[in-house]
């Protein structure tokens, strides 16, 4: 997946328009459109803003981190083997936190 596709996917998950996301991270809608269409690459500062806003790594946005989100979250906690049920619960909680963050960002 190209980085532009990843940005668009993350934005759509948050139910944001291009203009809405651009405003939140301090760039123009036109710039964001160029990034999403992979016509231009964001500079480091913009890439960091995107990663911080979506709470993902810059590698994830750039398509360098191909691991499934559940495995990535589990790996950051400890070395225990997580059951499918535990990973599903982590995923549900992660989605809950994303929704709360999106609501807060809309304020």
N, C-alpha and C. Protein backbone atom coordinates (compact mmCIF):
# COMPACT_ATOMS: atom_id res chain seq x y z
N UNK A 1 0.85 -1.18 0.00
CA UNK A 1 0.00 0.00 0.00
C UNK A 1 0.89 1.24 0.00
N UNK A 2 0.62 2.18 -0.89
CA UNK A 2 1.37 3.43 -0.96
C UNK A 2 1.06 4.30 0.25
N UNK A 3 2.01 5.17 0.57
CA UNK A 3 1.79 6.03 1.74
C UNK A 3 0.54 6.89 1.57
N UNK A 4 0.26 7.34 0.34
CA UNK A 4 -0.94 8.15 0.11
C UNK A 4 -2.21 7.40 0.42
N UNK A 5 -2.24 6.13 0.03
CA UNK A 5 -3.40 5.29 0.34
C UNK A 5 -3.56 5.13 1.85
N UNK A 6 -2.43 4.98 2.53
CA UNK A 6 -2.46 4.80 3.98
C UNK A 6 -3.01 6.05 4.66
N UNK A 7 -2.57 7.23 4.20
CA UNK A 7 -3.07 8.48 4.79
C UNK A 7 -4.57 8.59 4.58
N UNK A 8 -5.02 8.32 3.35
CA UNK A 8 -6.46 8.41 3.05
C UNK A 8 -7.24 7.41 3.90
N UNK A 9 -6.71 6.22 4.06
CA UNK A 9 -7.38 5.20 4.86
C UNK A 9 -7.52 5.65 6.32
N UNK A 10 -6.45 6.17 6.88
CA UNK A 10 -6.48 6.65 8.26
C UNK A 10 -7.46 7.82 8.39
N UNK A 11 -7.46 8.72 7.43
CA UNK A 11 -8.37 9.87 7.48
C UNK A 11 -9.82 9.41 7.41
N UNK A 12 -10.10 8.49 6.50
CA UNK A 12 -11.48 8.00 6.36
C UNK A 12 -11.95 7.25 7.60
N UNK A 13 -11.04 6.54 8.26
CA UNK A 13 -11.39 5.85 9.51
C UNK A 13 -11.86 6.83 10.57
N UNK A 14 -11.34 8.04 10.53
CA UNK A 14 -11.70 9.07 11.51
C UNK A 14 -12.88 9.92 11.03
N UNK A 15 -13.44 9.55 9.86
CA UNK A 15 -14.56 10.30 9.26
C UNK A 15 -14.22 11.78 9.08
N UNK A 16 -13.01 12.04 8.60
CA UNK A 16 -12.57 13.41 8.36
C UNK A 16 -12.51 13.69 6.87
N UNK A 17 -12.83 14.91 6.49
CA UNK A 17 -12.61 15.34 5.12
C UNK A 17 -11.14 15.71 4.97
N UNK A 18 -10.71 15.88 3.73
CA UNK A 18 -9.34 16.35 3.52
C UNK A 18 -9.16 17.71 4.17
N UNK A 19 -10.14 18.59 3.98
CA UNK A 19 -10.05 19.94 4.56
C UNK A 19 -9.99 19.87 6.09
N UNK A 20 -10.77 18.98 6.68
CA UNK A 20 -10.78 18.84 8.14
C UNK A 20 -9.45 18.38 8.68
N UNK A 21 -8.87 17.35 8.05
CA UNK A 21 -7.57 16.85 8.51
C UNK A 21 -6.49 17.90 8.27
N UNK A 22 -6.50 18.51 7.10
CA UNK A 22 -5.49 19.52 6.78
C UNK A 22 -5.51 20.64 7.82
N UNK A 23 -6.70 21.07 8.19
CA UNK A 23 -6.83 22.13 9.19
C UNK A 23 -6.27 21.69 10.54
N UNK A 24 -6.54 20.45 10.92
CA UNK A 24 -6.09 19.96 12.23
C UNK A 24 -4.58 19.85 12.34
N UNK A 25 -3.90 19.55 11.20
CA UNK A 25 -2.45 19.40 11.28
C UNK A 25 -1.70 20.60 10.69
N UNK A 26 -2.45 21.61 10.24
CA UNK A 26 -1.82 22.85 9.82
C UNK A 26 -1.20 22.85 8.43
N UNK A 27 -1.83 22.16 7.48
CA UNK A 27 -1.37 22.19 6.09
C UNK A 27 -2.56 22.54 5.20
N UNK A 28 -2.31 22.78 3.93
CA UNK A 28 -3.41 23.10 3.02
C UNK A 28 -4.10 21.81 2.56
N UNK A 29 -5.35 21.94 2.19
CA UNK A 29 -6.09 20.79 1.66
C UNK A 29 -5.44 20.30 0.38
N UNK A 30 -4.95 21.22 -0.43
CA UNK A 30 -4.29 20.84 -1.69
C UNK A 30 -3.06 19.98 -1.43
N UNK A 31 -2.27 20.36 -0.41
CA UNK A 31 -1.09 19.55 -0.07
C UNK A 31 -1.49 18.15 0.35
N UNK A 32 -2.51 18.07 1.20
CA UNK A 32 -2.97 16.75 1.64
C UNK A 32 -3.44 15.93 0.46
N UNK A 33 -4.15 16.54 -0.46
CA UNK A 33 -4.61 15.83 -1.65
C UNK A 33 -3.43 15.27 -2.45
N UNK A 34 -2.39 16.07 -2.60
CA UNK A 34 -1.19 15.60 -3.31
C UNK A 34 -0.55 14.41 -2.59
N UNK A 35 -0.54 14.46 -1.25
CA UNK A 35 0.02 13.35 -0.49
C UNK A 35 -0.81 12.09 -0.68
N UNK A 36 -2.14 12.24 -0.59
CA UNK A 36 -3.01 11.07 -0.70
C UNK A 36 -2.96 10.45 -2.09
N UNK A 37 -2.69 11.25 -3.10
CA UNK A 37 -2.60 10.72 -4.46
C UNK A 37 -1.16 10.32 -4.80
N UNK A 38 -0.28 10.38 -3.80
CA UNK A 38 1.13 10.01 -3.94
C UNK A 38 1.83 10.82 -5.04
N UNK A 39 1.38 12.05 -5.25
CA UNK A 39 2.04 12.94 -6.21
C UNK A 39 3.20 13.67 -5.55
N UNK A 40 3.11 13.86 -4.24
CA UNK A 40 4.16 14.50 -3.47
C UNK A 40 4.31 13.74 -2.16
N UNK A 41 5.48 13.85 -1.57
CA UNK A 41 5.72 13.24 -0.27
C UNK A 41 5.77 14.34 0.78
N UNK A 42 5.19 14.07 1.96
CA UNK A 42 5.25 15.08 3.02
C UNK A 42 6.66 15.23 3.54
N UNK A 43 6.99 16.43 4.00
CA UNK A 43 8.27 16.62 4.65
C UNK A 43 8.22 15.93 6.02
N UNK A 44 9.37 15.87 6.68
CA UNK A 44 9.46 15.14 7.94
C UNK A 44 8.50 15.70 8.98
N UNK A 45 8.41 17.03 9.08
CA UNK A 45 7.55 17.63 10.10
C UNK A 45 6.09 17.26 9.86
N UNK A 46 5.66 17.28 8.61
CA UNK A 46 4.27 16.93 8.29
C UNK A 46 4.03 15.45 8.52
N UNK A 47 4.98 14.62 8.14
CA UNK A 47 4.86 13.19 8.38
C UNK A 47 4.71 12.91 9.87
N UNK A 48 5.49 13.59 10.68
CA UNK A 48 5.40 13.43 12.13
C UNK A 48 4.04 13.89 12.65
N UNK A 49 3.53 15.02 12.14
CA UNK A 49 2.21 15.50 12.55
C UNK A 49 1.13 14.47 12.21
N UNK A 50 1.22 13.88 11.03
CA UNK A 50 0.24 12.86 10.63
C UNK A 50 0.32 11.65 11.56
N UNK A 51 1.53 11.18 11.81
CA UNK A 51 1.72 10.02 12.69
C UNK A 51 1.20 10.31 14.10
N UNK A 52 1.50 11.49 14.61
CA UNK A 52 1.04 11.86 15.95
C UNK A 52 -0.49 11.96 15.98
N UNK A 53 -1.05 12.59 14.96
CA UNK A 53 -2.51 12.77 14.94
C UNK A 53 -3.22 11.41 14.93
N UNK A 54 -2.73 10.49 14.10
CA UNK A 54 -3.39 9.19 13.97
C UNK A 54 -2.88 8.16 14.98
N UNK A 55 -1.88 8.55 15.78
CA UNK A 55 -1.31 7.66 16.79
C UNK A 55 -0.76 6.38 16.16
N UNK A 56 0.02 6.56 15.09
CA UNK A 56 0.69 5.46 14.42
C UNK A 56 2.14 5.85 14.22
N UNK A 57 2.96 4.92 13.80
CA UNK A 57 4.36 5.22 13.54
C UNK A 57 4.51 5.84 12.15
N UNK A 58 5.59 6.57 11.96
CA UNK A 58 5.87 7.10 10.62
C UNK A 58 6.11 5.95 9.65
N UNK A 59 6.71 4.87 10.14
CA UNK A 59 6.91 3.69 9.29
C UNK A 59 5.58 3.13 8.81
N UNK A 60 4.58 3.15 9.66
CA UNK A 60 3.25 2.65 9.27
C UNK A 60 2.69 3.49 8.13
N UNK A 61 2.78 4.82 8.24
CA UNK A 61 2.27 5.69 7.18
C UNK A 61 3.04 5.45 5.88
N UNK A 62 4.34 5.27 5.99
CA UNK A 62 5.17 5.09 4.80
C UNK A 62 5.06 3.68 4.22
N UNK A 63 4.31 2.81 4.88
CA UNK A 63 4.14 1.45 4.37
C UNK A 63 5.29 0.52 4.68
N UNK A 64 6.17 0.93 5.58
CA UNK A 64 7.31 0.11 5.94
C UNK A 64 6.97 -0.88 7.04
N UNK A 65 5.91 -0.60 7.78
CA UNK A 65 5.48 -1.46 8.88
C UNK A 65 4.25 -2.22 8.39
N UNK A 66 4.44 -3.44 7.95
CA UNK A 66 3.35 -4.22 7.37
C UNK A 66 2.68 -5.13 8.38
N UNK A 67 3.12 -5.09 9.63
CA UNK A 67 2.53 -5.95 10.64
C UNK A 67 1.09 -5.58 10.90
N UNK A 68 0.33 -6.55 11.25
CA UNK A 68 -1.06 -6.32 11.66
C UNK A 68 -1.07 -5.51 12.93
N UNK A 69 -2.00 -4.55 13.03
CA UNK A 69 -2.08 -3.67 14.20
C UNK A 69 -2.17 -4.45 15.50
N UNK A 70 -2.91 -5.55 15.52
CA UNK A 70 -3.06 -6.31 16.77
C UNK A 70 -1.72 -6.84 17.23
N UNK A 71 -0.93 -7.37 16.32
CA UNK A 71 0.38 -7.90 16.68
C UNK A 71 1.30 -6.78 17.15
N UNK A 72 1.21 -5.61 16.52
CA UNK A 72 2.06 -4.49 16.90
C UNK A 72 1.74 -4.03 18.31
N UNK A 73 0.48 -3.89 18.62
CA UNK A 73 0.09 -3.46 19.97
C UNK A 73 0.54 -4.50 20.99
N UNK A 74 0.30 -5.75 20.72
CA UNK A 74 0.69 -6.79 21.66
C UNK A 74 2.20 -6.78 21.89
N UNK A 75 2.97 -6.55 20.85
CA UNK A 75 4.42 -6.56 20.96
C UNK A 75 4.92 -5.42 21.84
N UNK A 76 4.19 -4.33 21.92
CA UNK A 76 4.62 -3.20 22.71
C UNK A 76 4.34 -3.38 24.20
N UNK A 77 3.57 -4.34 24.57
CA UNK A 77 3.22 -4.51 25.97
C UNK A 77 4.19 -5.42 26.72
N UNK A 78 4.39 -6.59 26.23
CA UNK A 78 5.35 -7.50 26.84
C UNK A 78 5.52 -8.70 25.93
N UNK A 79 6.24 -9.68 26.38
CA UNK A 79 6.54 -10.82 25.52
C UNK A 79 5.58 -11.99 25.71
N UNK A 80 4.51 -11.79 26.50
CA UNK A 80 3.54 -12.87 26.67
C UNK A 80 2.90 -13.24 25.35
N UNK A 81 2.46 -14.46 25.25
CA UNK A 81 1.70 -14.87 24.07
C UNK A 81 0.25 -14.48 24.30
N UNK A 82 -0.28 -13.66 23.41
CA UNK A 82 -1.65 -13.18 23.52
C UNK A 82 -2.59 -14.15 22.83
N UNK A 83 -3.72 -14.42 23.44
CA UNK A 83 -4.74 -15.27 22.80
C UNK A 83 -5.50 -14.42 21.79
N UNK A 84 -6.22 -15.08 20.89
CA UNK A 84 -7.04 -14.36 19.91
C UNK A 84 -8.07 -13.50 20.62
N UNK A 85 -8.67 -14.03 21.67
CA UNK A 85 -9.67 -13.27 22.42
C UNK A 85 -9.06 -12.01 23.05
N UNK A 86 -7.86 -12.13 23.60
CA UNK A 86 -7.20 -10.97 24.20
C UNK A 86 -6.86 -9.92 23.14
N UNK A 87 -6.36 -10.38 21.99
CA UNK A 87 -6.06 -9.44 20.91
C UNK A 87 -7.32 -8.77 20.39
N UNK A 88 -8.42 -9.50 20.32
CA UNK A 88 -9.69 -8.90 19.90
C UNK A 88 -10.14 -7.84 20.89
N UNK A 89 -9.95 -8.12 22.19
CA UNK A 89 -10.33 -7.16 23.21
C UNK A 89 -9.45 -5.91 23.12
N UNK A 90 -8.17 -6.08 22.88
CA UNK A 90 -7.27 -4.95 22.69
C UNK A 90 -7.71 -4.13 21.48
N UNK A 91 -8.07 -4.80 20.41
CA UNK A 91 -8.52 -4.11 19.20
C UNK A 91 -9.80 -3.32 19.46
N UNK A 92 -10.74 -3.88 20.21
CA UNK A 92 -11.97 -3.16 20.55
C UNK A 92 -11.66 -1.91 21.39
N UNK A 93 -10.75 -2.07 22.34
CA UNK A 93 -10.39 -0.93 23.17
C UNK A 93 -9.68 0.13 22.33
N UNK A 94 -8.82 -0.30 21.43
CA UNK A 94 -8.11 0.63 20.56
C UNK A 94 -9.10 1.43 19.72
N UNK A 95 -10.12 0.78 19.21
CA UNK A 95 -11.14 1.48 18.42
C UNK A 95 -11.92 2.46 19.29
N UNK A 96 -12.22 2.07 20.53
CA UNK A 96 -12.89 2.95 21.48
C UNK A 96 -12.06 4.22 21.70
N UNK A 97 -10.76 4.06 21.90
CA UNK A 97 -9.89 5.20 22.13
C UNK A 97 -9.83 6.08 20.88
N UNK A 98 -9.78 5.47 19.69
CA UNK A 98 -9.78 6.25 18.45
C UNK A 98 -11.05 7.09 18.32
N UNK A 99 -12.17 6.51 18.66
CA UNK A 99 -13.45 7.24 18.57
C UNK A 99 -13.45 8.42 19.54
N UNK A 100 -12.97 8.17 20.77
CA UNK A 100 -12.89 9.25 21.75
C UNK A 100 -11.98 10.37 21.26
N UNK A 101 -10.85 10.00 20.69
CA UNK A 101 -9.91 11.00 20.18
C UNK A 101 -10.54 11.79 19.04
N UNK A 102 -11.24 11.11 18.15
CA UNK A 102 -11.89 11.79 17.03
C UNK A 102 -12.93 12.78 17.53
N UNK A 103 -13.69 12.38 18.54
CA UNK A 103 -14.69 13.29 19.12
C UNK A 103 -14.02 14.50 19.76
N UNK A 104 -12.92 14.25 20.46
CA UNK A 104 -12.20 15.34 21.09
C UNK A 104 -11.60 16.28 20.04
N UNK A 105 -11.08 15.73 18.94
CA UNK A 105 -10.48 16.54 17.89
C UNK A 105 -11.51 17.38 17.15
N UNK A 106 -12.77 16.95 17.18
CA UNK A 106 -13.83 17.71 16.51
C UNK A 106 -14.24 18.94 17.30
N UNK A 107 -13.92 18.96 18.58
CA UNK A 107 -14.31 20.08 19.46
C UNK A 107 -13.60 21.36 19.11
